[in-house]
Amino acid sequence: MSAALMVLEIDPSIVRPGWVALVVTLFIGAALVLLFFSLRRQVRRISPDLPYADDVDTEASGPSSESQPPTTPPAAPDITSPGKSG
């Protein structure tokens, strides 16, 4: 029993990180670099001519001379009663 306790006693001055920790750290670093380049490529594909850019600019500049009434959305279907098929 005393031999098992001797094995469990570890001197803190000789403990070092293993190769597994180095490999995991390098793997995470490589994954971050690949994700960074993928993100850069995706951001470059974004068009600066967004479809709503003109709407935002005109609203920010002030009200226009032509005032249009707001459009109402179409009425929602009645979902309170169960549907009947047949």
Protein backbone atom coordinates (compact mmCIF):
# COMPACT_ATOMS: atom_id res chain seq x y z
CA MET A 1 0.00 0.00 0.00
CA SER A 2 2.85 2.40 0.70
CA ALA A 3 4.21 1.86 -2.84
CA ALA A 4 0.91 3.13 -4.28
CA LEU A 5 1.12 6.25 -2.14
CA MET A 6 4.71 6.87 -3.28
CA VAL A 7 3.57 6.79 -6.91
CA LEU A 8 0.86 9.38 -6.23
CA GLU A 9 3.30 11.81 -4.64
CA ILE A 10 4.49 14.10 -7.41
CA ASP A 11 7.25 16.62 -6.96
CA PRO A 12 5.92 19.99 -8.31
CA SER A 13 9.39 21.04 -9.48
CA ILE A 14 9.58 18.28 -12.12
CA VAL A 15 6.05 18.53 -13.50
CA ARG A 16 6.01 19.84 -17.07
CA PRO A 17 3.28 20.23 -19.65
CA GLY A 18 3.14 17.27 -21.98
CA TRP A 19 3.21 16.97 -25.74
CA VAL A 20 -0.55 16.55 -25.83
CA ALA A 21 -1.07 20.04 -24.45
CA LEU A 22 1.29 21.47 -27.09
CA VAL A 23 -0.50 19.65 -29.91
CA VAL A 24 -3.93 20.79 -28.69
CA THR A 25 -2.73 24.40 -28.42
CA LEU A 26 -1.23 24.30 -31.93
CA PHE A 27 -4.43 22.76 -33.29
CA ILE A 28 -6.57 25.50 -31.74
CA GLY A 29 -4.20 28.17 -33.09
CA ALA A 30 -4.34 26.69 -36.61
CA ALA A 31 -8.14 26.51 -36.44
CA LEU A 32 -8.31 30.18 -35.41
CA VAL A 33 -6.07 31.21 -38.32
CA LEU A 34 -8.23 29.27 -40.80
CA LEU A 35 -11.41 30.78 -39.35
CA PHE A 36 -9.90 34.27 -39.61
CA PHE A 37 -9.10 33.85 -43.31
CA SER A 38 -12.54 32.38 -43.97
CA LEU A 39 -14.17 35.34 -42.21
CA ARG A 40 -12.10 37.80 -44.25
CA ARG A 41 -13.18 36.11 -47.47
CA GLN A 42 -16.86 36.18 -46.46
CA VAL A 43 -16.73 39.84 -45.44
CA ARG A 44 -15.17 40.78 -48.79
CA ARG A 45 -18.14 39.22 -50.57
CA ILE A 46 -20.58 41.62 -48.91
CA SER A 47 -21.75 44.14 -51.45
CA PRO A 48 -21.49 47.78 -50.36
CA ASP A 49 -24.60 48.50 -52.45
CA LEU A 50 -27.10 47.10 -50.02
CA PRO A 51 -30.73 47.30 -51.17
CA TYR A 52 -31.84 49.31 -48.16
CA ALA A 53 -28.97 51.81 -48.20
CA ASP A 54 -30.99 54.38 -50.21
CA ASP A 55 -33.96 54.11 -47.84
CA VAL A 56 -31.79 54.78 -44.81
CA ASP A 57 -30.12 57.77 -46.47
CA THR A 58 -33.41 59.41 -47.43
CA GLU A 59 -34.93 58.89 -43.98
CA ALA A 60 -31.87 60.42 -42.34
CA SER A 61 -31.93 63.48 -44.61
CA GLY A 62 -35.46 64.43 -43.57
CA PRO A 63 -39.02 63.95 -44.71
CA SER A 64 -39.64 64.05 -48.42
CA SER A 65 -42.04 66.45 -50.11
CA GLU A 66 -44.25 63.55 -51.17
CA SER A 67 -45.83 62.06 -48.11
CA GLN A 68 -47.35 58.66 -48.66
CA PRO A 69 -49.72 57.02 -46.20
CA PRO A 70 -48.26 54.01 -44.47
CA THR A 71 -49.24 50.72 -46.00
CA THR A 72 -51.09 48.25 -43.86
CA PRO A 73 -50.01 44.63 -43.89
CA PRO A 74 -52.49 42.05 -45.17
CA ALA A 75 -54.84 40.57 -42.61
CA ALA A 76 -53.57 37.48 -40.86
CA PRO A 77 -55.51 34.25 -41.36
CA ASP A 78 -57.80 33.13 -38.55
CA ILE A 79 -56.03 30.32 -36.72
CA THR A 80 -58.31 30.15 -33.67
CA SER A 81 -60.73 27.60 -35.15
CA PRO A 82 -59.51 24.20 -36.37
CA GLY A 83 -59.45 23.82 -40.11
CA LYS A 84 -61.99 21.60 -41.78
CA SER A 85 -60.97 19.54 -44.74
CA GLY A 86 -63.61 17.94 -46.80
